[in-house]
Every structure is written in structure tokens, then in C-alpha cells.
Amino acid sequence: MMGEVRDRIMAKLTSAFAPSQLKVTDESAMHAGHAGAPEGGESHFHVQIVSEAFAGKSRLDRQRAVNAVLADELAGPVHALTMTVEAP
């Protein structure tokens, strides 16, 4: 079902960080035909998230926190994840 992985990413990030802003974009179509890009998409995503939970943390620590929450997705259906992670 299209959007299932995106919806799961959104739900997990919302639960973990209570973001004031969250946008999850499926960029899989831009990577069609290269290694790691399966038919049907939902393999390449960009996350934009703003949350108080990231206040006082370095960019690397913010990204690590997102990666930890999405560990199951990164080990499975998600081949690539780019992100913009900010505090308000």
C-alpha cells in the first residue's frame, strides 16, 4: 500500500518528538533505476522536523536521535534518509 512507510515514519517521529513542524517527503521517484531503489517507491525519504526536543543538541545528536527512532525502517524498507532537524 502506497504511503504506508511514510505514514509509519510520521507516526514514530510525532510520538517521539512531538514536533511543531513535520514534513516527510517520499523522494523515491528521483532515484528510480539505481541500486537500492525497489519498484513501487517508499525507499528514499527526506524528513523536515522542528521540535523542542532538539533544543541544546548538536546537529549530529539531532540526526542520531531521528535515526534511532527510525532504526527499523532504516534496516528494512528505507534505503536512504536525508533530514533537516531543528529546534524552534
Protein backbone atom coordinates (compact mmCIF):
# COMPACT_ATOMS: atom_id res chain seq x y z
CA MET A 1 0.00 0.00 0.00
CA MET A 2 1.48 3.34 -1.05
CA GLY A 3 2.26 5.70 1.79
CA GLU A 4 2.48 3.01 4.45
CA VAL A 5 6.19 3.58 5.18
CA ARG A 6 5.75 7.37 5.08
CA ASP A 7 2.82 7.15 7.50
CA ARG A 8 4.84 4.94 9.86
CA ILE A 9 7.75 7.41 9.80
CA MET A 10 5.38 10.30 10.56
CA ALA A 11 3.71 8.43 13.43
CA LYS A 12 7.01 7.43 15.04
CA LEU A 13 8.52 10.91 14.79
CA THR A 14 5.33 12.51 16.11
CA SER A 15 5.25 10.14 19.08
CA ALA A 16 8.95 10.51 19.90
CA PHE A 17 9.44 14.25 19.43
CA ALA A 18 6.02 16.00 19.49
CA PRO A 19 7.18 18.25 16.66
CA SER A 20 5.78 21.70 15.98
CA GLN A 21 6.52 21.06 12.30
CA LEU A 22 6.93 17.78 10.45
CA LYS A 23 7.13 17.02 6.75
CA VAL A 24 8.08 13.63 5.33
CA THR A 25 8.65 13.57 1.58
CA ASP A 26 8.97 10.38 -0.46
CA GLU A 27 11.79 11.14 -2.92
CA SER A 28 11.96 7.60 -4.30
CA ALA A 29 10.88 8.61 -7.81
CA MET A 30 14.05 10.71 -8.13
CA HIS A 31 16.13 7.57 -7.54
CA ALA A 32 14.26 5.09 -9.74
CA GLY A 33 16.55 2.70 -11.54
CA HIS A 34 19.56 2.82 -9.25
CA ALA A 35 20.71 0.23 -6.70
CA GLY A 36 18.56 0.18 -3.58
CA ALA A 37 15.55 1.70 -5.29
CA PRO A 38 12.88 -1.01 -5.44
CA GLU A 39 9.84 -0.88 -7.68
CA GLY A 40 6.97 0.96 -6.07
CA GLY A 41 9.00 3.55 -4.18
CA GLU A 42 8.97 4.25 -0.45
CA SER A 43 12.73 3.73 -0.24
CA HIS A 44 14.14 7.28 -0.23
CA PHE A 45 12.80 9.96 2.12
CA HIS A 46 13.52 13.48 3.27
CA VAL A 47 12.39 14.48 6.77
CA GLN A 48 11.97 18.08 7.91
CA ILE A 49 11.26 18.27 11.63
CA VAL A 50 11.21 21.05 14.22
CA SER A 51 10.88 20.09 17.89
CA GLU A 52 11.71 21.44 21.35
CA ALA A 53 13.22 18.01 21.99
CA PHE A 54 16.21 19.09 19.89
CA ALA A 55 16.95 22.29 21.84
CA GLY A 56 20.55 22.45 23.01
CA LYS A 57 21.60 19.43 20.94
CA SER A 58 24.15 19.42 18.14
CA ARG A 59 23.10 18.72 14.57
CA LEU A 60 24.73 15.29 14.80
CA ASP A 61 22.91 14.44 18.04
CA ARG A 62 19.60 15.52 16.49
CA GLN A 63 20.18 13.31 13.46
CA ARG A 64 21.23 10.38 15.64
CA ALA A 65 18.01 10.72 17.65
CA VAL A 66 15.91 10.57 14.47
CA ASN A 67 17.91 7.60 13.17
CA ALA A 68 17.39 5.77 16.47
CA VAL A 69 13.61 6.24 16.31
CA LEU A 70 13.55 5.05 12.69
CA ALA A 71 16.00 2.15 13.16
CA ASP A 72 13.51 -0.50 11.99
CA GLU A 73 12.67 1.43 8.83
CA LEU A 74 16.35 2.10 8.08
CA ALA A 75 17.11 -1.60 8.50
CA GLY A 76 14.30 -2.54 6.12
CA PRO A 77 12.34 -0.63 3.54
CA VAL A 78 14.18 2.71 3.73
CA HIS A 79 17.35 2.78 1.64
CA ALA A 80 18.18 6.46 2.12
CA LEU A 81 17.07 9.17 4.53
CA THR A 82 18.04 12.82 4.40
CA MET A 83 16.87 15.23 7.05
CA THR A 84 16.64 18.75 8.32
CA VAL A 85 16.32 18.59 12.12
CA GLU A 86 15.88 21.82 14.06
CA ALA A 87 14.81 23.27 17.37
CA PRO A 88 12.29 26.16 17.29
